[in-house]
Amino acid sequence: MNIRMVGWTPILTAAFLFQTQPVAAASKSGDDLLTQCQISNNLAVIACHIYIHAIQDVLAENTVKGYRVCVPASTDIDQSVKVIVDWLMQHPEKRKHPASDLVAHALWETYPCKEKR
């Protein structure tokens, strides 16, 4: 799914109004995100994509908690989601931590910036 091909307003509205889990973004755990990204519900998958895309965008321009990422331009959001889901599956002991921290760490491990900006 290429999220950039669809208008943002309906996606954001649907994602926030119809999330399958009533979890605030700040308290979302890795377990919560993994469930959301794997559930067979289009709205949950869209919310998963938006969550990961937002963190990825922030880390592309800013260092947060020591993390900054350089995702290749050829990488689409589906590939980034796969990176996150695979990382969460490989690290079940960390999934109780905040999802935002885990997404940042997984993206940084996969797409670390090699040069200074």
PDB file of N, CA and C in Angstrom:
ATOM      1  N   MET A   1       0.851  -1.173   0.000  1.00  0.00           N
ATOM      2  CA  MET A   1       0.000   0.000   0.000  1.00  0.00           C
ATOM      3  C   MET A   1       0.889   1.225   0.000  1.00  0.00           C
ATOM      4  N   ASN A   2       0.659   2.123  -0.896  1.00  0.00           N
ATOM      5  CA  ASN A   2       1.399   3.371  -0.926  1.00  0.00           C
ATOM      6  C   ASN A   2       0.543   4.444  -0.297  1.00  0.00           C
ATOM      7  N   ILE A   3       0.866   4.800   0.940  1.00  0.00           N
ATOM      8  CA  ILE A   3       0.042   5.725   1.714  1.00  0.00           C
ATOM      9  C   ILE A   3       0.042   7.127   1.116  1.00  0.00           C
ATOM     10  N   ARG A   4       1.050   7.460   0.332  1.00  0.00           N
ATOM     11  CA  ARG A   4       1.133   8.791  -0.265  1.00  0.00           C
ATOM     12  C   ARG A   4       0.137   8.978  -1.402  1.00  0.00           C
ATOM     13  N   MET A   5      -0.417   7.892  -1.920  1.00  0.00           N
ATOM     14  CA  MET A   5      -1.344   7.997  -3.032  1.00  0.00           C
ATOM     15  C   MET A   5      -2.760   8.335  -2.567  1.00  0.00           C
ATOM     16  N   VAL A   6      -3.015   8.245  -1.282  1.00  0.00           N
ATOM     17  CA  VAL A   6      -4.347   8.469  -0.743  1.00  0.00           C
ATOM     18  C   VAL A   6      -4.342   9.775   0.025  1.00  0.00           C
ATOM     19  N   GLY A   7      -5.448  10.516   0.008  1.00  0.00           N
ATOM     20  CA  GLY A   7      -5.540  11.758   0.761  1.00  0.00           C
ATOM     21  C   GLY A   7      -5.356  11.516   2.251  1.00  0.00           C
ATOM     22  N   TRP A   8      -4.669  12.411   2.933  1.00  0.00           N
ATOM     23  CA  TRP A   8      -4.360  12.248   4.351  1.00  0.00           C
ATOM     24  C   TRP A   8      -5.557  12.440   5.264  1.00  0.00           C
ATOM     25  N   THR A   9      -6.456  13.349   4.955  1.00  0.00           N
ATOM     26  CA  THR A   9      -7.547  13.653   5.878  1.00  0.00           C
ATOM     27  C   THR A   9      -8.410  12.434   6.181  1.00  0.00           C
ATOM     28  N   PRO A  10      -8.896  11.691   5.187  1.00  0.00           N
ATOM     29  CA  PRO A  10      -9.719  10.523   5.520  1.00  0.00           C
ATOM     30  C   PRO A  10      -8.929   9.456   6.271  1.00  0.00           C
ATOM     31  N   ILE A  11      -7.671   9.297   5.928  1.00  0.00           N
ATOM     32  CA  ILE A  11      -6.839   8.290   6.583  1.00  0.00           C
ATOM     33  C   ILE A  11      -6.636   8.652   8.048  1.00  0.00           C
ATOM     34  N   LEU A  12      -6.264   9.887   8.303  1.00  0.00           N
ATOM     35  CA  LEU A  12      -6.039  10.307   9.683  1.00  0.00           C
ATOM     36  C   LEU A  12      -7.315  10.233  10.500  1.00  0.00           C
ATOM     37  N   THR A  13      -8.407  10.660   9.934  1.00  0.00           N
ATOM     38  CA  THR A  13      -9.682  10.604  10.638  1.00  0.00           C
ATOM     39  C   THR A  13     -10.036   9.165  10.976  1.00  0.00           C
ATOM     40  N   ALA A  14      -9.942   8.295  10.001  1.00  0.00           N
ATOM     41  CA  ALA A  14     -10.277   6.888  10.226  1.00  0.00           C
ATOM     42  C   ALA A  14      -9.335   6.252  11.241  1.00  0.00           C
ATOM     43  N   ALA A  15      -8.071   6.537  11.116  1.00  0.00           N
ATOM     44  CA  ALA A  15      -7.086   5.924  12.008  1.00  0.00           C
ATOM     45  C   ALA A  15      -7.318   6.299  13.457  1.00  0.00           C
ATOM     46  N   PHE A  16      -7.641   7.530  13.699  1.00  0.00           N
ATOM     47  CA  PHE A  16      -7.806   7.970  15.074  1.00  0.00           C
ATOM     48  C   PHE A  16      -9.198   7.687  15.629  1.00  0.00           C
ATOM     49  N   LEU A  17     -10.198   7.668  14.791  1.00  0.00           N
ATOM     50  CA  LEU A  17     -11.548   7.403  15.276  1.00  0.00           C
ATOM     51  C   LEU A  17     -11.852   5.920  15.417  1.00  0.00           C
ATOM     52  N   PHE A  18     -11.230   5.100  14.576  1.00  0.00           N
ATOM     53  CA  PHE A  18     -11.599   3.690  14.535  1.00  0.00           C
ATOM     54  C   PHE A  18     -10.452   2.742  14.844  1.00  0.00           C
ATOM     55  N   GLN A  19      -9.497   3.174  15.632  1.00  0.00           N
ATOM     56  CA  GLN A  19      -8.410   2.271  15.996  1.00  0.00           C
ATOM     57  C   GLN A  19      -8.994   1.059  16.694  1.00  0.00           C
ATOM     58  N   THR A  20      -8.399  -0.092  16.434  1.00  0.00           N
ATOM     59  CA  THR A  20      -8.925  -1.318  17.010  1.00  0.00           C
ATOM     60  C   THR A  20      -8.597  -1.444  18.487  1.00  0.00           C
ATOM     61  N   GLN A  21      -7.619  -0.702  18.966  1.00  0.00           N
ATOM     62  CA  GLN A  21      -7.258  -0.751  20.369  1.00  0.00           C
ATOM     63  C   GLN A  21      -7.305   0.650  20.936  1.00  0.00           C
ATOM     64  N   PRO A  22      -7.978   0.843  22.062  1.00  0.00           N
ATOM     65  CA  PRO A  22      -8.046   2.172  22.655  1.00  0.00           C
ATOM     66  C   PRO A  22      -6.800   2.484  23.463  1.00  0.00           C
ATOM     67  N   VAL A  23      -5.678   2.627  22.774  1.00  0.00           N
ATOM     68  CA  VAL A  23      -4.405   2.883  23.435  1.00  0.00           C
ATOM     69  C   VAL A  23      -3.907   4.240  22.987  1.00  0.00           C
ATOM     70  N   ALA A  24      -3.584   5.094  23.935  1.00  0.00           N
ATOM     71  CA  ALA A  24      -3.029   6.405  23.600  1.00  0.00           C
ATOM     72  C   ALA A  24      -1.647   6.209  23.015  1.00  0.00           C
ATOM     73  N   ALA A  25      -1.261   7.078  22.087  1.00  0.00           N
ATOM     74  CA  ALA A  25       0.022   6.937  21.403  1.00  0.00           C
ATOM     75  C   ALA A  25       1.182   6.894  22.388  1.00  0.00           C
ATOM     76  N   ALA A  26       1.131   7.703  23.433  1.00  0.00           N
ATOM     77  CA  ALA A  26       2.237   7.761  24.385  1.00  0.00           C
ATOM     78  C   ALA A  26       2.358   6.465  25.181  1.00  0.00           C
ATOM     79  N   SER A  27       1.276   5.733  25.355  1.00  0.00           N
ATOM     80  CA  SER A  27       1.329   4.524  26.158  1.00  0.00           C
ATOM     81  C   SER A  27       1.318   3.249  25.318  1.00  0.00           C
ATOM     82  N   LYS A  28       1.375   3.388  24.024  1.00  0.00           N
ATOM     83  CA  LYS A  28       1.369   2.223  23.128  1.00  0.00           C
ATOM     84  C   LYS A  28       2.670   1.450  23.320  1.00  0.00           C
ATOM     85  N   SER A  29       2.545   0.172  23.579  1.00  0.00           N
ATOM     86  CA  SER A  29       3.719  -0.675  23.752  1.00  0.00           C
ATOM     87  C   SER A  29       4.086  -1.330  22.424  1.00  0.00           C
ATOM     88  N   GLY A  30       5.225  -1.975  22.415  1.00  0.00           N
ATOM     89  CA  GLY A  30       5.619  -2.741  21.245  1.00  0.00           C
ATOM     90  C   GLY A  30       4.620  -3.844  20.941  1.00  0.00           C
ATOM     91  N   ASP A  31       4.078  -4.466  21.991  1.00  0.00           N
ATOM     92  CA  ASP A  31       3.046  -5.490  21.793  1.00  0.00           C
ATOM     93  C   ASP A  31       1.814  -4.905  21.112  1.00  0.00           C
ATOM     94  N   ASP A  32       1.401  -3.713  21.568  1.00  0.00           N
ATOM     95  CA  ASP A  32       0.237  -3.050  20.972  1.00  0.00           C
ATOM     96  C   ASP A  32       0.468  -2.769  19.489  1.00  0.00           C
ATOM     97  N   LEU A  33       1.646  -2.235  19.176  1.00  0.00           N
ATOM     98  CA  LEU A  33       1.950  -1.906  17.782  1.00  0.00           C
ATOM     99  C   LEU A  33       2.028  -3.161  16.928  1.00  0.00           C
ATOM    100  N   LEU A  34       2.663  -4.195  17.431  1.00  0.00           N
ATOM    101  CA  LEU A  34       2.770  -5.443  16.673  1.00  0.00           C
ATOM    102  C   LEU A  34       1.386  -5.998  16.358  1.00  0.00           C
ATOM    103  N   THR A  35       0.511  -6.003  17.346  1.00  0.00           N
ATOM    104  CA  THR A  35      -0.856  -6.477  17.124  1.00  0.00           C
ATOM    105  C   THR A  35      -1.552  -5.628  16.066  1.00  0.00           C
ATOM    106  N   GLN A  36      -1.414  -4.316  16.196  1.00  0.00           N
ATOM    107  CA  GLN A  36      -2.066  -3.403  15.253  1.00  0.00           C
ATOM    108  C   GLN A  36      -1.553  -3.613  13.831  1.00  0.00           C
ATOM    109  N   CYS A  37      -0.258  -3.823  13.687  1.00  0.00           N
ATOM    110  CA  CYS A  37       0.327  -3.983  12.350  1.00  0.00           C
ATOM    111  C   CYS A  37       0.003  -5.337  11.723  1.00  0.00           C
ATOM    112  N   GLN A  38      -0.347  -6.316  12.541  1.00  0.00           N
ATOM    113  CA  GLN A  38      -0.606  -7.652  12.021  1.00  0.00           C
ATOM    114  C   GLN A  38      -2.088  -7.994  11.898  1.00  0.00           C
ATOM    115  N   ILE A  39      -2.947  -7.195  12.458  1.00  0.00           N
ATOM    116  CA  ILE A  39      -4.375  -7.490  12.442  1.00  0.00           C
ATOM    117  C   ILE A  39      -4.908  -7.346  11.010  1.00  0.00           C
ATOM    118  N   SER A  40      -5.886  -8.143  10.674  1.00  0.00           N
ATOM    119  CA  SER A  40      -6.433  -8.077   9.312  1.00  0.00           C
ATOM    120  C   SER A  40      -7.611  -7.099   9.275  1.00  0.00           C
ATOM    121  N   ASN A  41      -7.304  -5.860   9.547  1.00  0.00           N
ATOM    122  CA  ASN A  41      -8.295  -4.794   9.551  1.00  0.00           C
ATOM    123  C   ASN A  41      -7.634  -3.600   8.871  1.00  0.00           C
ATOM    124  N   ASN A  42      -8.213  -3.138   7.783  1.00  0.00           N
ATOM    125  CA  ASN A  42      -7.584  -2.061   7.013  1.00  0.00           C
ATOM    126  C   ASN A  42      -7.301  -0.819   7.853  1.00  0.00           C
ATOM    127  N   LEU A  43      -8.217  -0.454   8.743  1.00  0.00           N
ATOM    128  CA  LEU A  43      -8.013   0.746   9.551  1.00  0.00           C
ATOM    129  C   LEU A  43      -6.851   0.565  10.519  1.00  0.00           C
ATOM    130  N   ALA A  44      -6.706  -0.617  11.091  1.00  0.00           N
ATOM    131  CA  ALA A  44      -5.586  -0.878  11.993  1.00  0.00           C
ATOM    132  C   ALA A  44      -4.271  -0.811  11.230  1.00  0.00           C
ATOM    133  N   VAL A  45      -4.245  -1.378  10.042  1.00  0.00           N
ATOM    134  CA  VAL A  45      -3.022  -1.354   9.225  1.00  0.00           C
ATOM    135  C   VAL A  45      -2.675   0.079   8.830  1.00  0.00           C
ATOM    136  N   ILE A  46      -3.680   0.866   8.479  1.00  0.00           N
ATOM    137  CA  ILE A  46      -3.436   2.270   8.137  1.00  0.00           C
ATOM    138  C   ILE A  46      -2.868   3.006   9.346  1.00  0.00           C
ATOM    139  N   ALA A  47      -3.446   2.774  10.521  1.00  0.00           N
ATOM    140  CA  ALA A  47      -2.944   3.413  11.742  1.00  0.00           C
ATOM    141  C   ALA A  47      -1.511   2.987  12.020  1.00  0.00           C
ATOM    142  N   CYS A  48      -1.191   1.722  11.803  1.00  0.00           N
ATOM    143  CA  CYS A  48       0.179   1.212  11.963  1.00  0.00           C
ATOM    144  C   CYS A  48       1.120   1.947  11.019  1.00  0.00           C
ATOM    145  N   HIS A  49       0.738   2.059   9.762  1.00  0.00           N
ATOM    146  CA  HIS A  49       1.563   2.736   8.762  1.00  0.00           C
ATOM    147  C   HIS A  49       1.786   4.203   9.144  1.00  0.00           C
ATOM    148  N   ILE A  50       0.728   4.881   9.563  1.00  0.00           N
ATOM    149  CA  ILE A  50       0.850   6.295   9.926  1.00  0.00           C
ATOM    150  C   ILE A  50       1.780   6.463  11.125  1.00  0.00           C
ATOM    151  N   TYR A  51       1.632   5.615  12.114  1.00  0.00           N
ATOM    152  CA  TYR A  51       2.454   5.682  13.325  1.00  0.00           C
ATOM    153  C   TYR A  51       3.935   5.540  12.965  1.00  0.00           C
ATOM    154  N   ILE A  52       4.267   4.512  12.207  1.00  0.00           N
ATOM    155  CA  ILE A  52       5.656   4.257  11.830  1.00  0.00           C
ATOM    156  C   ILE A  52       6.172   5.350  10.896  1.00  0.00           C
ATOM    157  N   HIS A  53       5.355   5.772   9.954  1.00  0.00           N
ATOM    158  CA  HIS A  53       5.759   6.816   9.009  1.00  0.00           C
ATOM    159  C   HIS A  53       6.071   8.118   9.741  1.00  0.00           C
ATOM    160  N   ALA A  54       5.256   8.459  10.726  1.00  0.00           N
ATOM    161  CA  ALA A  54       5.468   9.699  11.486  1.00  0.00           C
ATOM    162  C   ALA A  54       6.795   9.654  12.239  1.00  0.00           C
ATOM    163  N   ILE A  55       7.082   8.550  12.897  1.00  0.00           N
ATOM    164  CA  ILE A  55       8.343   8.421  13.630  1.00  0.00           C
ATOM    165  C   ILE A  55       9.512   8.446  12.661  1.00  0.00           C
ATOM    166  N   GLN A  56       9.375   7.764  11.551  1.00  0.00           N
ATOM    167  CA  GLN A  56      10.430   7.736  10.533  1.00  0.00           C
ATOM    168  C   GLN A  56      10.718   9.141  10.010  1.00  0.00           C
ATOM    169  N   ASP A  57       9.669   9.913   9.748  1.00  0.00           N
ATOM    170  CA  ASP A  57       9.850  11.284   9.261  1.00  0.00           C
ATOM    171  C   ASP A  57      10.572  12.158  10.278  1.00  0.00           C
ATOM    172  N   VAL A  58      10.193  12.049  11.532  1.00  0.00           N
ATOM    173  CA  VAL A  58      10.850  12.846  12.587  1.00  0.00           C
ATOM    174  C   VAL A  58      12.326  12.483  12.676  1.00  0.00           C
ATOM    175  N   LEU A  59      12.630  11.185  12.658  1.00  0.00           N
ATOM    176  CA  LEU A  59      14.017  10.740  12.809  1.00  0.00           C
ATOM    177  C   LEU A  59      14.872  11.009  11.576  1.00  0.00           C
ATOM    178  N   ALA A  60      14.250  11.297  10.465  1.00  0.00           N
ATOM    179  CA  ALA A  60      15.008  11.626   9.253  1.00  0.00           C
ATOM    180  C   ALA A  60      15.617  13.023   9.346  1.00  0.00           C
ATOM    181  N   GLU A  61      15.005  13.890  10.122  1.00  0.00           N
ATOM    182  CA  GLU A  61      15.463  15.281  10.217  1.00  0.00           C
ATOM    183  C   GLU A  61      15.987  15.663  11.590  1.00  0.00           C
ATOM    184  N   ASN A  62      15.754  14.822  12.593  1.00  0.00           N
ATOM    185  CA  ASN A  62      16.104  15.162  13.968  1.00  0.00           C
ATOM    186  C   ASN A  62      16.701  13.967  14.685  1.00  0.00           C
ATOM    187  N   THR A  63      17.555  14.228  15.634  1.00  0.00           N
ATOM    188  CA  THR A  63      18.053  13.184  16.515  1.00  0.00           C
ATOM    189  C   THR A  63      17.150  13.180  17.741  1.00  0.00           C
ATOM    190  N   VAL A  64      16.578  12.021  18.033  1.00  0.00           N
ATOM    191  CA  VAL A  64      15.701  11.867  19.188  1.00  0.00           C
ATOM    192  C   VAL A  64      16.226  10.703  20.015  1.00  0.00           C
ATOM    193  N   LYS A  65      16.544  10.981  21.277  1.00  0.00           N
ATOM    194  CA  LYS A  65      17.087   9.966  22.190  1.00  0.00           C
ATOM    195  C   LYS A  65      18.292   9.265  21.582  1.00  0.00           C
ATOM    196  N   GLY A  66      19.094   9.999  20.836  1.00  0.00           N
ATOM    197  CA  GLY A  66      20.294   9.448  20.226  1.00  0.00           C
ATOM    198  C   GLY A  66      20.084   8.757  18.890  1.00  0.00           C
ATOM    199  N   TYR A  67      18.851   8.672  18.446  1.00  0.00           N
ATOM    200  CA  TYR A  67      18.554   8.007  17.178  1.00  0.00           C
ATOM    201  C   TYR A  67      18.301   9.022  16.077  1.00  0.00           C
ATOM    202  N   ARG A  68      18.862   8.736  14.927  1.00  0.00           N
ATOM    203  CA  ARG A  68      18.570   9.470  13.697  1.00  0.00           C
ATOM    204  C   ARG A  68      18.721   8.473  12.570  1.00  0.00           C
ATOM    205  N   VAL A  69      17.815   8.477  11.616  1.00  0.00           N
ATOM    206  CA  VAL A  69      17.841   7.459  10.571  1.00  0.00           C
ATOM    207  C   VAL A  69      17.934   8.087   9.189  1.00  0.00           C
ATOM    208  N   CYS A  70      18.510   7.335   8.287  1.00  0.00           N
ATOM    209  CA  CYS A  70      18.635   7.745   6.886  1.00  0.00           C
ATOM    210  C   CYS A  70      18.033   6.634   6.024  1.00  0.00           C
ATOM    211  N   VAL A  71      16.730   6.670   5.905  1.00  0.00           N
ATOM    212  CA  VAL A  71      16.022   5.667   5.113  1.00  0.00           C
ATOM    213  C   VAL A  71      16.218   6.006   3.642  1.00  0.00           C
ATOM    214  N   PRO A  72      16.671   5.040   2.830  1.00  0.00           N
ATOM    215  CA  PRO A  72      16.846   5.306   1.402  1.00  0.00           C
ATOM    216  C   PRO A  72      15.540   5.775   0.765  1.00  0.00           C
ATOM    217  N   ALA A  73      15.651   6.673  -0.177  1.00  0.00           N
ATOM    218  CA  ALA A  73      14.468   7.213  -0.864  1.00  0.00           C
ATOM    219  C   ALA A  73      13.662   6.118  -1.556  1.00  0.00           C
ATOM    220  N   SER A  74      14.307   5.043  -1.930  1.00  0.00           N
ATOM    221  CA  SER A  74      13.621   3.949  -2.621  1.00  0.00           C
ATOM    222  C   SER A  74      12.810   3.052  -1.682  1.00  0.00           C
ATOM    223  N   THR A  75      12.906   3.289  -0.383  1.00  0.00           N
ATOM    224  CA  THR A  75      12.189   2.470   0.600  1.00  0.00           C
ATOM    225  C   THR A  75      10.778   2.996   0.783  1.00  0.00           C
ATOM    226  N   ASP A  76       9.785   2.125   0.590  1.00  0.00           N
ATOM    227  CA  ASP A  76       8.405   2.568   0.814  1.00  0.00           C
ATOM    228  C   ASP A  76       7.970   2.189   2.235  1.00  0.00           C
ATOM    229  N   ILE A  77       6.809   2.674   2.634  1.00  0.00           N
ATOM    230  CA  ILE A  77       6.345   2.478   4.007  1.00  0.00           C
ATOM    231  C   ILE A  77       6.101   0.999   4.313  1.00  0.00           C
ATOM    232  N   ASP A  78       5.691   0.219   3.324  1.00  0.00           N
ATOM    233  CA  ASP A  78       5.504  -1.217   3.554  1.00  0.00           C
ATOM    234  C   ASP A  78       6.809  -1.880   3.976  1.00  0.00           C
ATOM    235  N   GLN A  79       7.909  -1.458   3.359  1.00  0.00           N
ATOM    236  CA  GLN A  79       9.212  -2.018   3.725  1.00  0.00           C
ATOM    237  C   GLN A  79       9.591  -1.616   5.145  1.00  0.00           C
ATOM    238  N   SER A  80       9.326  -0.375   5.512  1.00  0.00           N
ATOM    239  CA  SER A  80       9.627   0.078   6.876  1.00  0.00           C
ATOM    240  C   SER A  80       8.776  -0.675   7.898  1.00  0.00           C
ATOM    241  N   VAL A  81       7.511  -0.876   7.595  1.00  0.00           N
ATOM    242  CA  VAL A  81       6.639  -1.632   8.505  1.00  0.00           C
ATOM    243  C   VAL A  81       7.165  -3.047   8.671  1.00  0.00           C
ATOM    244  N   LYS A  82       7.601  -3.667   7.579  1.00  0.00           N
ATOM    245  CA  LYS A  82       8.157  -5.022   7.660  1.00  0.00           C
ATOM    246  C   LYS A  82       9.393  -5.040   8.553  1.00  0.00           C
ATOM    247  N   VAL A  83      10.242  -4.037   8.437  1.00  0.00           N
ATOM    248  CA  VAL A  83      11.428  -3.940   9.297  1.00  0.00           C
ATOM    249  C   VAL A  83      11.010  -3.919  10.762  1.00  0.00           C
ATOM    250  N   ILE A  84      10.008  -3.102  11.077  1.00  0.00           N
ATOM    251  CA  ILE A  84       9.551  -2.966  12.461  1.00  0.00           C
ATOM    252  C   ILE A  84       8.927  -4.264  12.961  1.00  0.00           C
ATOM    253  N   VAL A  85       8.023  -4.841  12.179  1.00  0.00           N
ATOM    254  CA  VAL A  85       7.356  -6.085  12.589  1.00  0.00           C
ATOM    255  C   VAL A  85       8.386  -7.196  12.786  1.00  0.00           C
ATOM    256  N   ASP A  86       9.323  -7.343  11.852  1.00  0.00           N
ATOM    257  CA  ASP A  86      10.365  -8.363  11.985  1.00  0.00           C
ATOM    258  C   ASP A  86      11.192  -8.133  13.246  1.00  0.00           C
ATOM    259  N   TRP A  87      11.566  -6.879  13.502  1.00  0.00           N
ATOM    260  CA  TRP A  87      12.374  -6.555  14.678  1.00  0.00           C
ATOM    261  C   TRP A  87      11.602  -6.883  15.958  1.00  0.00           C
ATOM    262  N   LEU A  88      10.328  -6.515  16.008  1.00  0.00           N
ATOM    263  CA  LEU A  88       9.512  -6.816  17.188  1.00  0.00           C
ATOM    264  C   LEU A  88       9.357  -8.322  17.389  1.00  0.00           C
ATOM    265  N   MET A  89       9.225  -9.070  16.313  1.00  0.00           N
ATOM    266  CA  MET A  89       9.119 -10.529  16.417  1.00  0.00           C
ATOM    267  C   MET A  89      10.420 -11.138  16.956  1.00  0.00           C
ATOM    268  N   GLN A  90      11.547 -10.547  16.574  1.00  0.00           N
ATOM    269  CA  GLN A  90      12.845 -11.065  17.003  1.00  0.00           C
ATOM    270  C   GLN A  90      13.225 -10.634  18.421  1.00  0.00           C
ATOM    271  N   HIS A  91      12.502  -9.661  18.987  1.00  0.00           N
ATOM    272  CA  HIS A  91      12.837  -9.132  20.313  1.00  0.00           C
ATOM    273  C   HIS A  91      11.608  -9.109  21.227  1.00  0.00           C
ATOM    274  N   PRO A  92      11.007 -10.261  21.499  1.00  0.00           N
ATOM    275  CA  PRO A  92       9.799 -10.285  22.333  1.00  0.00           C
ATOM    276  C   PRO A  92      10.036  -9.735  23.744  1.00  0.00           C
ATOM    277  N   GLU A  93      11.247  -9.840  24.235  1.00  0.00           N
ATOM    278  CA  GLU A  93      11.564  -9.353  25.581  1.00  0.00           C
ATOM    279  C   GLU A  93      11.499  -7.834  25.692  1.00  0.00           C
ATOM    280  N   LYS A  94      11.515  -7.141  24.574  1.00  0.00           N
ATOM    281  CA  LYS A  94      11.499  -5.675  24.578  1.00  0.00           C
ATOM    282  C   LYS A  94      10.120  -5.093  24.287  1.00  0.00           C
ATOM    283  N   ARG A  95       9.157  -5.928  23.945  1.00  0.00           N
ATOM    284  CA  ARG A  95       7.864  -5.433  23.453  1.00  0.00           C
ATOM    285  C   ARG A  95       6.996  -4.749  24.497  1.00  0.00           C
ATOM    286  N   LYS A  96       7.365  -4.779  25.767  1.00  0.00           N
ATOM    287  CA  LYS A  96       6.610  -4.050  26.794  1.00  0.00           C
ATOM    288  C   LYS A  96       7.037  -2.584  26.841  1.00  0.00           C
ATOM    289  N   HIS A  97       8.149  -2.263  26.198  1.00  0.00           N
ATOM    290  CA  HIS A  97       8.649  -0.884  26.153  1.00  0.00           C
ATOM    291  C   HIS A  97       7.768  -0.041  25.234  1.00  0.00           C
ATOM    292  N   PRO A  98       7.878   1.291  25.339  1.00  0.00           N
ATOM    293  CA  PRO A  98       7.082   2.164  24.458  1.00  0.00           C
ATOM    294  C   PRO A  98       7.374   1.886  22.983  1.00  0.00           C
ATOM    295  N   ALA A  99       6.316   1.795  22.207  1.00  0.00           N
ATOM    296  CA  ALA A  99       6.440   1.492  20.780  1.00  0.00           C
ATOM    297  C   ALA A  99       7.299   2.522  20.060  1.00  0.00           C
ATOM    298  N   SER A 100       7.171   3.793  20.426  1.00  0.00           N
ATOM    299  CA  SER A 100       7.947   4.829  19.738  1.00  0.00           C
ATOM    300  C   SER A 100       9.444   4.598  19.901  1.00  0.00           C
ATOM    301  N   ASP A 101       9.873   4.198  21.092  1.00  0.00           N
ATOM    302  CA  ASP A 101      11.291   3.910  21.323  1.00  0.00           C
ATOM    303  C   ASP A 101      11.745   2.706  20.495  1.00  0.00           C
ATOM    304  N   LEU A 102      10.901   1.686  20.431  1.00  0.00           N
ATOM    305  CA  LEU A 102      11.262   0.473  19.692  1.00  0.00           C
ATOM    306  C   LEU A 102      11.314   0.719  18.196  1.00  0.00           C
ATOM    307  N   VAL A 103      10.387   1.498  17.687  1.00  0.00           N
ATOM    308  CA  VAL A 103      10.396   1.853  16.259  1.00  0.00           C
ATOM    309  C   VAL A 103      11.674   2.625  15.946  1.00  0.00           C
ATOM    310  N   ALA A 104      12.000   3.587  16.784  1.00  0.00           N
ATOM    311  CA  ALA A 104      13.216   4.377  16.572  1.00  0.00           C
ATOM    312  C   ALA A 104      14.446   3.480  16.573  1.00  0.00           C
ATOM    313  N   HIS A 105      14.519   2.568  17.524  1.00  0.00           N
ATOM    314  CA  HIS A 105      15.686   1.688  17.607  1.00  0.00           C
ATOM    315  C   HIS A 105      15.777   0.765  16.392  1.00  0.00           C
ATOM    316  N   ALA A 106      14.659   0.166  16.014  1.00  0.00           N
ATOM    317  CA  ALA A 106      14.665  -0.754  14.866  1.00  0.00           C
ATOM    318  C   ALA A 106      15.028  -0.032  13.575  1.00  0.00           C
ATOM    319  N   LEU A 107      14.482   1.158  13.371  1.00  0.00           N
ATOM    320  CA  LEU A 107      14.824   1.930  12.166  1.00  0.00           C
ATOM    321  C   LEU A 107      16.296   2.320  12.191  1.00  0.00           C
ATOM    322  N   TRP A 108      16.792   2.722  13.357  1.00  0.00           N
ATOM    323  CA  TRP A 108      18.200   3.121  13.478  1.00  0.00           C
ATOM    324  C   TRP A 108      19.135   1.945  13.201  1.00  0.00           C
ATOM    325  N   GLU A 109      18.780   0.758  13.693  1.00  0.00           N
ATOM    326  CA  GLU A 109      19.602  -0.430  13.422  1.00  0.00           C
ATOM    327  C   GLU A 109      19.649  -0.747  11.932  1.00  0.00           C
ATOM    328  N   THR A 110      18.542  -0.533  11.263  1.00  0.00           N
ATOM    329  CA  THR A 110      18.422  -0.889   9.844  1.00  0.00           C
ATOM    330  C   THR A 110      18.935   0.210   8.911  1.00  0.00           C
ATOM    331  N   TYR A 111      18.659   1.465   9.264  1.00  0.00           N
ATOM    332  CA  TYR A 111      19.000   2.588   8.396  1.00  0.00           C
ATOM    333  C   TYR A 111      19.801   3.665   9.143  1.00  0.00           C
ATOM    334  N   PRO A 112      20.946   3.313   9.721  1.00  0.00           N
ATOM    335  CA  PRO A 112      21.709   4.342  10.441  1.00  0.00           C
ATOM    336  C   PRO A 112      22.293   5.359   9.454  1.00  0.00           C
ATOM    337  N   CYS A 113      22.385   6.590   9.910  1.00  0.00           N
ATOM    338  CA  CYS A 113      23.012   7.627   9.067  1.00  0.00           C
ATOM    339  C   CYS A 113      24.519   7.426   9.119  1.00  0.00           C
ATOM    340  N   LYS A 114      25.121   7.366   7.966  1.00  0.00           N
ATOM    341  CA  LYS A 114      26.562   7.148   7.887  1.00  0.00           C
ATOM    342  C   LYS A 114      27.327   8.465   7.878  1.00  0.00           C
ATOM    343  N   GLU A 115      26.681   9.505   7.404  1.00  0.00           N
ATOM    344  CA  GLU A 115      27.348  10.811   7.314  1.00  0.00           C
ATOM    345  C   GLU A 115      26.653  11.797   8.232  1.00  0.00           C
ATOM    346  N   LYS A 116      27.355  12.831   8.576  1.00  0.00           N
ATOM    347  CA  LYS A 116      26.780  13.927   9.372  1.00  0.00           C
ATOM    348  C   LYS A 116      26.020  14.848   8.446  1.00  0.00           C
ATOM    349  N   ARG A 117      24.904  15.361   8.912  1.00  0.00           N
ATOM    350  CA  ARG A 117      24.138  16.336   8.123  1.00  0.00           C
ATOM    351  C   ARG A 117      24.278  17.679   8.726  1.00  0.00           C
TER     352      ARG A 117
END
